[in-house]
Protein backbone atom coordinates (compact mmCIF):
# COMPACT_ATOMS: atom_id res chain seq x y z
CA UNK A 1 -17.05 79.06 -2.96
CA UNK A 2 -16.32 79.06 0.75
CA UNK A 3 -19.72 77.48 1.38
CA UNK A 4 -18.47 74.30 -0.28
CA UNK A 5 -16.28 73.58 2.71
CA UNK A 6 -18.82 74.44 5.43
CA UNK A 7 -19.85 71.69 7.81
CA UNK A 8 -22.15 71.53 10.80
CA UNK A 9 -20.43 70.55 14.09
CA UNK A 10 -21.94 67.61 15.95
CA UNK A 11 -23.06 67.74 19.61
CA UNK A 12 -21.11 65.56 22.04
CA UNK A 13 -22.71 62.22 22.90
CA UNK A 14 -22.69 60.24 26.13
CA UNK A 15 -20.63 57.03 26.14
CA UNK A 16 -23.77 54.93 26.60
CA UNK A 17 -25.42 56.56 23.61
CA UNK A 18 -22.33 55.95 21.50
CA UNK A 19 -22.21 52.26 22.43
CA UNK A 20 -25.93 51.83 21.78
CA UNK A 21 -25.54 53.65 18.49
CA UNK A 22 -22.69 51.38 17.42
CA UNK A 23 -24.63 48.22 18.31
CA UNK A 24 -27.67 49.45 16.42
CA UNK A 25 -25.49 50.47 13.47
CA UNK A 26 -23.82 47.04 13.34
CA UNK A 27 -27.22 45.34 13.46
CA UNK A 28 -28.57 47.58 10.71
CA UNK A 29 -25.49 47.00 8.53
CA UNK A 30 -25.76 43.21 8.87
CA UNK A 31 -29.44 43.36 8.04
CA UNK A 32 -28.81 45.68 5.10
CA UNK A 33 -26.01 43.48 3.74
CA UNK A 34 -28.17 40.36 3.90
CA UNK A 35 -31.04 42.17 2.26
CA UNK A 36 -28.75 43.62 -0.42
CA UNK A 37 -27.43 40.29 -1.66
CA UNK A 38 -30.86 38.72 -1.55
CA UNK A 39 -32.15 41.47 -3.86
CA UNK A 40 -29.24 41.37 -6.30
CA UNK A 41 -29.16 37.58 -6.52
CA UNK A 42 -25.39 37.64 -5.94
CA UNK A 43 -23.85 36.40 -2.68
CA UNK A 44 -21.30 38.46 -0.78
CA UNK A 45 -18.52 36.04 -1.72
CA UNK A 46 -19.46 36.11 -5.39
CA UNK A 47 -19.62 39.91 -5.26
CA UNK A 48 -16.00 40.13 -4.11
CA UNK A 49 -14.95 37.59 -6.75
CA UNK A 50 -16.69 39.62 -9.46
CA UNK A 51 -14.82 42.77 -8.43
CA UNK A 52 -11.54 40.82 -8.35
CA UNK A 53 -12.03 39.41 -11.86
CA UNK A 54 -13.08 42.77 -13.31
CA UNK A 55 -10.08 44.42 -11.66
CA UNK A 56 -7.75 41.83 -13.21
CA UNK A 57 -9.16 42.45 -16.69
CA UNK A 58 -8.93 46.21 -16.19
CA UNK A 59 -5.30 45.70 -15.19
CA UNK A 60 -4.60 43.76 -18.40
CA UNK A 61 -6.13 46.47 -20.60
CA UNK A 62 -3.96 49.17 -19.01
CA UNK A 63 -0.87 46.97 -19.32
CA UNK A 64 -1.65 46.59 -23.03
CA UNK A 65 -2.06 50.33 -23.54
CA UNK A 66 1.27 51.19 -21.93
CA UNK A 67 3.21 48.22 -23.26
CA UNK A 68 3.11 50.14 -26.51
CA UNK A 69 4.59 53.18 -24.77
CA UNK A 70 7.29 51.11 -23.08
CA UNK A 71 8.36 49.75 -26.47
CA UNK A 72 7.88 53.04 -28.33
CA UNK A 73 11.53 53.47 -29.31
CA UNK A 74 11.55 50.02 -30.94
CA UNK A 75 8.25 50.70 -32.71
CA UNK A 76 9.42 54.09 -33.95
CA UNK A 77 12.47 52.42 -35.41
CA UNK A 78 10.50 49.56 -36.97
CA UNK A 79 7.73 51.68 -38.54
CA UNK A 80 9.86 54.82 -39.05
CA UNK A 81 7.58 57.06 -36.98
CA UNK A 82 8.25 60.64 -35.85
CA UNK A 83 6.67 62.22 -32.75
CA UNK A 84 3.38 63.23 -34.37
CA UNK A 85 2.99 59.89 -36.16
CA UNK A 86 3.47 58.06 -32.86
CA UNK A 87 0.68 60.11 -31.33
CA UNK A 88 -1.58 59.22 -34.27
CA UNK A 89 -1.72 55.60 -33.06
CA UNK A 90 -3.28 56.69 -29.78
CA UNK A 91 -5.70 58.99 -31.63
CA UNK A 92 -7.06 56.18 -33.82
CA UNK A 93 -7.42 53.85 -30.82
CA UNK A 94 -9.38 56.39 -28.81
CA UNK A 95 -11.72 57.49 -31.61
CA UNK A 96 -12.63 53.87 -32.31
CA UNK A 97 -13.19 53.22 -28.61
CA UNK A 98 -15.50 56.22 -28.30
CA UNK A 99 -17.60 55.44 -31.37
CA UNK A 100 -18.23 51.83 -30.41
CA UNK A 101 -18.62 52.82 -26.76
CA UNK A 102 -21.97 54.46 -27.53
CA UNK A 103 -23.27 51.13 -28.83
CA UNK A 104 -22.06 49.32 -25.73
CA UNK A 105 -23.61 52.00 -23.54
CA UNK A 106 -27.03 51.39 -25.08
CA UNK A 107 -26.70 47.61 -24.95
CA UNK A 108 -25.20 47.64 -21.45
CA UNK A 109 -28.36 49.19 -20.00
CA UNK A 110 -30.61 46.60 -21.66
CA UNK A 111 -28.73 43.35 -22.42
CA UNK A 112 -26.72 40.85 -20.39
CA UNK A 113 -23.48 42.68 -19.58
CA UNK A 114 -21.48 39.52 -18.91
CA UNK A 115 -22.05 38.27 -22.46
CA UNK A 116 -21.16 41.66 -23.92
CA UNK A 117 -17.85 41.76 -22.03
CA UNK A 118 -16.93 38.14 -22.79
CA UNK A 119 -17.53 38.59 -26.52
CA UNK A 120 -15.71 41.93 -26.64
CA UNK A 121 -12.66 40.82 -24.67
CA UNK A 122 -12.35 37.58 -26.67
CA UNK A 123 -12.15 39.66 -29.83
CA UNK A 124 -9.73 42.03 -28.07
CA UNK A 125 -7.32 39.19 -27.22
CA UNK A 126 -7.38 38.00 -30.83
CA UNK A 127 -6.74 41.52 -32.15
CA UNK A 128 -3.79 42.08 -29.79
CA UNK A 129 -2.27 38.83 -31.06
CA UNK A 130 -2.81 39.88 -34.69
CA UNK A 131 -1.06 43.18 -33.95
CA UNK A 132 2.16 41.31 -33.19
CA UNK A 133 2.28 39.82 -36.70
CA UNK A 134 2.01 43.04 -38.72
CA UNK A 135 5.12 43.50 -40.94
CA UNK A 136 7.03 46.77 -40.48
CA UNK A 137 6.19 47.83 -44.05
CA UNK A 138 2.46 48.02 -43.24
CA UNK A 139 2.05 50.85 -40.76
CA UNK A 140 -1.51 51.54 -42.01
CA UNK A 141 -2.54 47.98 -41.17
CA UNK A 142 -1.00 48.34 -37.70
CA UNK A 143 -2.99 51.56 -37.25
CA UNK A 144 -6.25 49.86 -38.32
CA UNK A 145 -5.74 46.88 -36.01
CA UNK A 146 -5.00 49.22 -33.13
CA UNK A 147 -8.31 50.94 -33.82
CA UNK A 148 -10.14 47.60 -33.70
CA UNK A 149 -8.57 46.82 -30.33
CA UNK A 150 -10.01 50.10 -29.02
CA UNK A 151 -13.47 49.13 -30.28
CA UNK A 152 -13.25 45.75 -28.53
CA UNK A 153 -11.86 47.15 -25.27
CA UNK A 154 -14.77 49.60 -24.97
CA UNK A 155 -17.14 46.66 -24.41
CA UNK A 156 -15.47 46.11 -21.05
CA UNK A 157 -14.71 49.70 -20.02
CA UNK A 158 -18.32 50.81 -20.44
CA UNK A 159 -20.14 47.96 -18.72
CA UNK A 160 -17.82 46.88 -15.88
CA UNK A 161 -18.39 49.89 -13.54
CA UNK A 162 -22.18 49.49 -13.78
CA UNK A 163 -21.89 45.86 -12.64
CA UNK A 164 -19.87 46.94 -9.61
CA UNK A 165 -22.54 49.56 -8.88
CA UNK A 166 -25.19 46.81 -8.93
CA UNK A 167 -23.51 44.52 -6.37
CA UNK A 168 -22.46 47.14 -3.79
CA UNK A 169 -23.79 50.38 -2.34
CA UNK A 170 -22.43 53.21 -0.19
CA UNK A 171 -18.92 52.91 1.19
CA UNK A 172 -18.53 49.35 -0.08
CA UNK A 173 -19.21 50.54 -3.60
CA UNK A 174 -16.58 53.25 -3.17
CA UNK A 175 -14.05 50.71 -1.91
CA UNK A 176 -14.87 48.32 -4.77
CA UNK A 177 -14.39 51.09 -7.32
CA UNK A 178 -11.19 52.04 -5.52
CA UNK A 179 -9.85 48.51 -6.05
CA UNK A 180 -11.04 48.48 -9.67
CA UNK A 181 -9.25 51.74 -10.48
CA UNK A 182 -6.06 50.71 -8.70
CA UNK A 183 -5.53 48.71 -11.87
CA UNK A 184 -4.99 51.96 -13.81
CA UNK A 185 -1.69 53.12 -12.26
CA UNK A 186 -0.56 49.56 -11.57
CA UNK A 187 -1.23 48.55 -15.17
CA UNK A 188 0.44 51.68 -16.55
CA UNK A 189 3.60 50.98 -14.59
CA UNK A 190 3.68 47.30 -15.52
CA UNK A 191 3.05 48.25 -19.14
CA UNK A 192 6.16 50.45 -19.22
CA UNK A 193 8.22 47.67 -17.64
CA UNK A 194 6.86 44.82 -19.78
CA UNK A 195 7.10 46.85 -22.98
CA UNK A 196 10.74 47.75 -22.43
CA UNK A 197 12.07 44.67 -20.64
CA UNK A 198 10.33 41.95 -22.69
CA UNK A 199 11.26 43.69 -25.93
CA UNK A 200 14.85 44.05 -24.77
CA UNK A 201 14.97 40.42 -23.59
CA UNK A 202 13.88 39.21 -27.04
CA UNK A 203 16.51 41.31 -28.79
CA UNK A 204 14.25 44.15 -29.86
CA UNK A 205 11.35 41.91 -30.93
CA UNK A 206 8.48 44.07 -29.58
CA UNK A 207 5.96 41.50 -30.87
CA UNK A 208 6.47 39.20 -27.88
CA UNK A 209 5.24 41.80 -25.43
CA UNK A 210 1.87 41.91 -27.22
CA UNK A 211 1.68 38.11 -27.41
CA UNK A 212 2.02 37.90 -23.64
CA UNK A 213 -0.74 40.51 -23.22
CA UNK A 214 -3.01 38.54 -25.57
CA UNK A 215 -2.59 35.43 -23.40
CA UNK A 216 -3.43 37.42 -20.25
CA UNK A 217 -6.56 38.74 -21.95
CA UNK A 218 -7.69 35.20 -22.74
CA UNK A 219 -7.18 34.23 -19.08
CA UNK A 220 -9.38 37.17 -18.11
CA UNK A 221 -12.16 36.01 -20.46
CA UNK A 222 -12.09 32.50 -18.97
CA UNK A 223 -12.25 33.89 -15.42
CA UNK A 224 -15.14 36.15 -16.39
CA UNK A 225 -17.07 33.30 -18.01
CA UNK A 226 -16.58 31.10 -14.94
CA UNK A 227 -17.10 33.51 -12.04
CA UNK A 228 -18.90 36.70 -13.09
CA UNK A 229 -22.68 36.71 -12.63
CA UNK A 230 -25.06 39.29 -14.03
CA UNK A 231 -26.68 41.14 -11.07
CA UNK A 232 -30.18 42.58 -11.11
CA UNK A 233 -29.99 46.17 -12.33
CA UNK A 234 -30.58 48.71 -9.60
CA UNK A 235 -31.54 46.11 -6.98
CA UNK A 236 -28.72 47.34 -4.74
CA UNK A 237 -30.60 50.63 -4.33
CA UNK A 238 -33.25 48.75 -2.34
CA UNK A 239 -35.85 48.71 -5.06
CA UNK A 240 -37.89 45.88 -6.54
CA UNK A 241 -38.40 44.89 -10.15
CA UNK A 242 -39.65 45.51 -12.78
CA UNK A 243 -37.44 48.18 -14.31
CA UNK A 244 -38.86 50.78 -16.65
CA UNK A 245 -36.56 51.74 -19.54
CA UNK A 246 -36.81 54.88 -21.64
CA UNK A 247 -35.59 55.53 -25.17
CA UNK A 248 -31.94 56.41 -25.74
CA UNK A 249 -32.75 59.95 -26.84
CA UNK A 250 -34.82 60.54 -23.69
CA UNK A 251 -31.99 59.15 -21.54
CA UNK A 252 -29.44 61.35 -23.30
CA UNK A 253 -31.67 64.40 -22.87
CA UNK A 254 -32.02 63.78 -19.13
CA UNK A 255 -28.29 63.25 -18.75
CA UNK A 256 -27.64 66.49 -20.61
CA UNK A 257 -29.47 68.37 -17.86
CA UNK A 258 -27.41 66.74 -15.11
CA UNK A 259 -24.91 69.47 -14.19
CA UNK A 260 -22.88 67.29 -11.83
CA UNK A 261 -22.40 64.77 -14.62
CA UNK A 262 -21.49 67.57 -17.04
CA UNK A 263 -18.88 69.24 -14.84
CA UNK A 264 -17.38 65.96 -13.58
CA UNK A 265 -17.04 64.87 -17.22
CA UNK A 266 -15.35 68.17 -18.13
CA UNK A 267 -12.95 67.68 -15.22
CA UNK A 268 -12.27 64.11 -16.35
CA UNK A 269 -11.54 65.41 -19.87
CA UNK A 270 -8.69 67.46 -18.40
CA UNK A 271 -7.43 64.46 -16.42
CA UNK A 272 -7.51 62.21 -19.48
CA UNK A 273 -5.66 64.79 -21.54
CA UNK A 274 -2.80 65.01 -19.06
CA UNK A 275 -2.71 61.31 -18.16
CA UNK A 276 -2.56 60.29 -21.82
CA UNK A 277 -0.12 62.98 -22.96
CA UNK A 278 2.26 62.84 -20.01
CA UNK A 279 2.03 59.06 -19.78
CA UNK A 280 2.85 58.72 -23.48
CA UNK A 281 5.75 61.18 -23.62
CA UNK A 282 7.24 61.04 -20.09
CA UNK A 283 9.76 58.26 -20.75
CA UNK A 284 10.87 59.84 -24.04
CA UNK A 285 11.17 63.20 -22.27
CA UNK A 286 13.29 61.70 -19.47
CA UNK A 287 15.54 59.90 -21.93
CA UNK A 288 16.13 63.12 -23.85
CA UNK A 289 16.89 64.95 -20.59
CA UNK A 290 19.38 62.24 -19.64
CA UNK A 291 21.01 62.40 -23.08
CA UNK A 292 21.34 66.20 -22.79
CA UNK A 293 22.89 66.00 -19.33
CA UNK A 294 25.29 63.30 -20.49
CA UNK A 295 26.31 65.52 -23.40
CA UNK A 296 27.03 68.36 -20.95
CA UNK A 297 29.01 66.08 -18.61
CA UNK A 298 30.31 63.12 -20.65
CA UNK A 299 32.46 61.86 -17.78
CA UNK A 300 29.48 61.28 -15.49
CA UNK A 301 28.94 57.72 -16.67
CA UNK A 302 26.39 57.06 -13.92
CA UNK A 303 23.92 59.11 -15.92
CA UNK A 304 23.68 56.36 -18.53
CA UNK A 305 23.38 53.47 -16.07
CA UNK A 306 19.64 53.80 -15.45
CA UNK A 307 16.59 52.57 -17.34
CA UNK A 308 14.03 55.37 -17.41
CA UNK A 309 11.20 53.03 -18.49
CA UNK A 310 11.81 50.84 -15.46
CA UNK A 311 12.12 53.75 -13.01
CA UNK A 312 9.11 55.64 -14.35
CA UNK A 313 7.05 52.44 -14.45
CA UNK A 314 7.88 51.60 -10.85
CA UNK A 315 7.12 55.12 -9.64
CA UNK A 316 3.82 55.10 -11.54
CA UNK A 317 2.76 51.87 -9.85
CA UNK A 318 3.59 53.06 -6.32
CA UNK A 319 2.32 56.63 -6.68
CA UNK A 320 -0.85 55.49 -8.42
CA UNK A 321 -1.72 52.96 -5.72
CA UNK A 322 -1.07 55.55 -3.01
CA UNK A 323 -3.09 58.19 -4.85
CA UNK A 324 -6.15 56.06 -5.65
CA UNK A 325 -6.32 54.62 -2.14
CA UNK A 326 -5.72 57.95 -0.46
CA UNK A 327 -8.30 59.75 -2.59
CA UNK A 328 -11.01 57.20 -1.83
CA UNK A 329 -10.23 57.23 1.91
CA UNK A 330 -10.12 61.03 2.17
CA UNK A 331 -13.41 61.33 0.28
CA UNK A 332 -15.03 58.68 2.48
CA UNK A 333 -14.03 60.45 5.71
CA UNK A 334 -14.84 63.97 4.51
CA UNK A 335 -18.21 62.84 3.12
CA UNK A 336 -19.46 62.38 6.70
CA UNK A 337 -19.10 66.10 7.31
CA UNK A 338 -19.57 67.55 3.83
CA UNK A 339 -21.75 65.86 1.17
CA UNK A 340 -19.80 67.76 -1.50
CA UNK A 341 -16.48 66.22 -0.46
CA UNK A 342 -16.04 64.00 -3.54
CA UNK A 343 -15.68 66.72 -6.20
CA UNK A 344 -13.66 68.89 -3.78
CA UNK A 345 -11.12 66.08 -3.30
CA UNK A 346 -10.88 65.73 -7.10
CA UNK A 347 -10.36 69.48 -7.55
CA UNK A 348 -7.65 69.78 -4.89
CA UNK A 349 -5.88 66.76 -6.36
CA UNK A 350 -5.72 68.31 -9.84
CA UNK A 351 -4.45 71.65 -8.59
CA UNK A 352 -1.74 69.94 -6.51
CA UNK A 353 -0.75 67.78 -9.46
CA UNK A 354 -0.43 70.84 -11.71
CA UNK A 355 2.13 72.43 -9.38
CA UNK A 356 4.36 69.37 -9.05
CA UNK A 357 4.24 68.33 -12.71
CA UNK A 358 5.23 71.85 -13.75
CA UNK A 359 8.23 71.69 -11.40
CA UNK A 360 9.18 68.29 -12.82
CA UNK A 361 9.12 69.58 -16.39
CA UNK A 362 11.13 72.71 -15.59
CA UNK A 363 13.87 70.90 -13.62
CA UNK A 364 14.34 67.93 -15.96
CA UNK A 365 17.67 69.10 -17.43
CA UNK A 366 18.96 70.30 -14.05
CA UNK A 367 18.30 67.38 -11.70
CA UNK A 368 16.74 64.07 -12.72
CA UNK A 369 16.39 63.09 -9.07
CA UNK A 370 14.25 66.16 -8.36
CA UNK A 371 12.30 65.51 -11.55
CA UNK A 372 11.45 61.96 -10.49
CA UNK A 373 10.46 63.14 -6.99
CA UNK A 374 8.08 65.76 -8.38
CA UNK A 375 6.63 63.32 -10.92
CA UNK A 376 6.01 60.89 -8.07
CA UNK A 377 4.19 63.49 -5.95
CA UNK A 378 2.32 64.91 -8.95
CA UNK A 379 1.07 61.45 -9.93
CA UNK A 380 -0.20 60.84 -6.39
CA UNK A 381 -2.26 64.04 -6.56
CA UNK A 382 -3.49 63.21 -10.06
CA UNK A 383 -4.60 59.72 -8.96
CA UNK A 384 -6.76 61.05 -6.11
CA UNK A 385 -9.71 61.45 -8.45
CA UNK A 386 -9.63 58.14 -10.39
CA UNK A 387 -12.18 56.16 -8.36
CA UNK A 388 -13.89 59.17 -6.74
CA UNK A 389 -14.89 60.81 -10.03
CA UNK A 390 -16.39 57.53 -11.28
CA UNK A 391 -18.33 57.17 -8.04
CA UNK A 392 -19.78 60.64 -8.63
CA UNK A 393 -20.95 59.73 -12.13
CA UNK A 394 -22.64 56.58 -10.78
CA UNK A 395 -24.57 58.04 -7.87
CA UNK A 396 -25.87 61.15 -9.67
CA UNK A 397 -27.47 58.94 -12.36
CA UNK A 398 -30.40 56.51 -12.01
CA UNK A 399 -29.56 52.76 -12.42
CA UNK A 400 -31.18 52.41 -15.86
CA UNK A 401 -28.92 55.10 -17.35
CA UNK A 402 -25.54 54.26 -15.86
CA UNK A 403 -24.02 52.50 -18.86
CA UNK A 404 -25.32 55.24 -21.15
CA UNK A 405 -23.87 57.87 -18.81
CA UNK A 406 -20.54 56.02 -18.76
CA UNK A 407 -20.54 55.84 -22.56
CA UNK A 408 -21.33 59.53 -23.04
CA UNK A 409 -18.84 60.56 -20.37
CA UNK A 410 -16.19 58.36 -21.95
CA UNK A 411 -16.97 59.85 -25.36
CA UNK A 412 -16.35 63.34 -24.06
CA UNK A 413 -13.29 62.52 -21.98
CA UNK A 414 -11.68 60.42 -24.70
CA UNK A 415 -12.51 62.52 -27.74
CA UNK A 416 -11.76 65.90 -26.17
CA UNK A 417 -9.15 64.70 -23.69
CA UNK A 418 -7.30 61.51 -24.48
CA UNK A 419 -7.75 61.09 -28.24
CA UNK A 420 -5.61 63.89 -29.54
CA UNK A 421 -3.46 64.75 -26.51
CA UNK A 422 -0.37 62.70 -27.33
CA UNK A 423 -0.68 63.64 -31.01
CA UNK A 424 -1.16 67.31 -30.07
CA UNK A 425 1.94 67.31 -27.84
CA UNK A 426 3.94 65.52 -30.53
CA UNK A 427 2.76 68.02 -33.13
CA UNK A 428 3.83 70.98 -30.98
CA UNK A 429 7.18 69.30 -30.34
CA UNK A 430 7.81 68.70 -34.04
CA UNK A 431 6.81 72.28 -34.91
CA UNK A 432 9.19 73.78 -32.33
CA UNK A 433 11.94 71.43 -33.41
CA UNK A 434 11.55 72.48 -37.04
CA UNK A 435 12.77 75.99 -36.18
CA UNK A 436 16.00 74.73 -34.62
CA UNK A 437 18.92 72.63 -35.84
CA UNK A 438 18.75 68.95 -34.96
CA UNK A 439 20.58 68.38 -31.66
CA UNK A 440 20.10 66.84 -28.21
CA UNK A 441 19.20 70.27 -26.84
CA UNK A 442 16.65 70.93 -29.58
CA UNK A 443 15.02 67.50 -29.11
CA UNK A 444 14.72 68.08 -25.38
CA UNK A 445 13.53 71.70 -25.42
CA UNK A 446 10.86 71.08 -28.04
CA UNK A 447 9.24 68.32 -25.97
CA UNK A 448 9.75 70.24 -22.71
CA UNK A 449 7.87 73.29 -24.01
CA UNK A 450 5.12 71.10 -25.46
CA UNK A 451 4.57 69.27 -22.16
CA UNK A 452 4.12 72.56 -20.28
CA UNK A 453 0.59 72.57 -21.65
CA UNK A 454 -0.33 69.78 -19.20
CA UNK A 455 -0.16 71.66 -15.86
CA UNK A 456 -2.33 74.48 -17.19
CA UNK A 457 -4.92 71.97 -18.41
CA UNK A 458 -5.08 70.52 -14.88
CA UNK A 459 -5.90 73.95 -13.45
CA UNK A 460 -9.00 74.09 -15.66
CA UNK A 461 -9.88 70.57 -14.52
CA UNK A 462 -9.76 71.65 -10.87
CA UNK A 463 -12.14 74.50 -11.67
CA UNK A 464 -14.64 72.12 -13.29
CA UNK A 465 -14.68 69.85 -10.23
CA UNK A 466 -15.25 72.86 -7.95
CA UNK A 467 -18.21 73.73 -10.19
CA UNK A 468 -19.44 70.14 -9.84
CA UNK A 469 -19.37 70.52 -6.05
CA UNK A 470 -22.04 73.26 -6.32
CA UNK A 471 -24.61 70.84 -7.78
CA UNK A 472 -23.62 67.32 -6.70
CA UNK A 473 -25.78 67.19 -3.56
CA UNK A 474 -28.99 68.17 -5.33
CA UNK A 475 -28.29 65.96 -8.35
CA UNK A 476 -27.70 62.96 -6.12
CA UNK A 477 -31.08 63.48 -4.45
CA UNK A 478 -32.73 63.88 -7.86
CA UNK A 479 -31.21 60.57 -9.03
CA UNK A 480 -32.53 58.80 -5.94
CA UNK A 481 -35.99 60.28 -6.43
CA UNK A 482 -35.98 59.59 -10.15
CA UNK A 483 -35.02 55.95 -9.65
CA UNK A 484 -38.24 55.48 -7.66
CA UNK A 485 -40.14 55.98 -10.91
CA UNK A 486 -38.35 53.02 -12.51
CA UNK A 487 -39.60 50.49 -9.96
CA UNK A 488 -42.84 49.19 -8.52
CA UNK A 489 -43.57 47.27 -5.34
CA UNK A 490 -42.71 47.66 -1.68
CA UNK A 491 -39.30 47.42 -0.12
CA UNK A 492 -38.82 43.87 1.25
CA UNK A 493 -38.61 43.43 4.99
CA UNK A 494 -35.27 42.45 6.44
CA UNK A 495 -35.45 39.02 8.02
CA UNK A 496 -32.21 38.02 9.80
CA UNK A 497 -33.01 34.38 9.16
CA UNK A 498 -33.50 34.93 5.45
CA UNK A 499 -31.48 32.55 3.31
CA UNK A 500 -33.00 32.60 -0.13
CA UNK A 501 -31.71 30.63 -3.04
CA UNK A 502 -31.07 33.83 -4.97
CA UNK A 503 -28.45 34.95 -2.49
CA UNK A 504 -26.30 31.89 -2.96
CA UNK A 505 -23.35 31.65 -5.33
C-alpha cells in the first residue's frame, strides 16, 4: 500500500529552461485548445455555456430531492408516515431511477443526448407539479408519482457527464466536473431551506415548494433547448470519426473487467449510502436532540430559538462547496506527482469523514454547537470525492461506453447504496424504539444508534478507493489504447490560423 504514495523527485531546471518550457507549454495549450473545439464542433464559449446550463439543471434536481426532506415533518403529518414509511419514498424514487437509467445509458451512447435530456426533464417538471396536487388520503399515488420523477430525472443524470467529457479534456474537464458537482451540496442545502421556509411561509402548505421547483425545471429545459449543443462523441480525445459501436452486452462485459470502475463504483456505493441516509435523517436527528436537551433544561429558552433545517442547509452549502472545490484542486496538484492521486484523495476523504460524523452523532445530546462543527468538517471530507470519483469513471472508460458505464455505476450506487439507506436507518430506528416507552429520549436514542451505521460504511468506502488506486493507472492506459480501435483516420494538424465553421457557436 505504501507504493501508492511513491513519487519520483524531479531534477532542478535552469531558469532559462523553465521560461522556454513555459512558453512552449502555453503555445501547445493554445494550439490544443483550438484543435479541440474544431474537432468537437463546439466553440470555447459555447462549451462554458453548456457546462453552466447543465450545472443549473443539476442544481434544480438536488433542490427538488431535498425540498422533500426540508418539509418532511409537514409531509409526515399530512400522510401519517412513520420513520420507515418516510424512507420508503426515497426507496421507490431510487429504484425507478436505476431501472430507467439503464435505458438512458444505452440511448445516451447512440442517440442525440440533448433531445433525451430535454424530453426527460420536461416530463420531470410536469411530474413534480402533479406531485403537489396529490390529496393527503392517497399516499400510494404520491409514492407512484415520486417514482415517475426518478425515472424522468435519470435521463439527465446519466447523459450530462458524458457531454461534459466530450467538450473538455484534462484539467479543464476536471474543473468542469467540479463546477457541475458543486450543484450537489449547494442544491441539498437550498432544498432544506426551501422545503422548510416556503412551507412555513404558506402556513404548512408543502405543495408550494414543489410548484416552485417545477417552474425552475421548466426554465432549465428552455435554457437547454436554446444553448446546449450535442458535441461529437470522443472528439475531445483527439480522434477522428467514424465511431465504432459494439453491442450492449459486449460493452457491459468489457466494463465488468474494468477493476478501477468496479472499485470506484463500490466506493461510491458507500458514499451514496451515507449521503442519502445522513442527509435524509440529519435534520430530524438534530431536532430530536434539541427537544431532548430542552426537556433536560426547560429554562434554557435559547435552545428553541433556532431552525435546524436552516442551519443544516446553510452548513451543507458551505461545506459542500469547500469540499468539492478542495478535492478537485488537491487531486489536480497531486496528479502531477502521482498518477494514482484521484482514488487516494477519495479514500482519505471518506476516512476523515467517518471520524467527524461519528463524533457528531455521539455528541448530539451533549453539545449542539460541537455537533454542527463536526458535521461541517465531516461534510467537507465527504465532498472531496464528488467530482473526482466521476472523473475516474470517465477516463478509465472509452468514449463509446461512458453513458453505459455511468448507467451501470449509478445502478450499483443507487440500488445498493442510496435506495434503501434512509429506509434501512428508519427501520432500525423504529425497531429500537419499539423496545422502549415513547419519550423524547427514546426517539433520540433510537435514531442516534441507527445513524452510527454511517461512519462504519464510510470506512469500507475508503478501502474500496484504495483498492481502485492499485489499478487506475493501467486501466486509464487501456481505455486510451482501446479508444484507438473505435476511430479511423489521422490526427489533424494544428494550424494556428484555423477558424473552421464547426468551431463557431
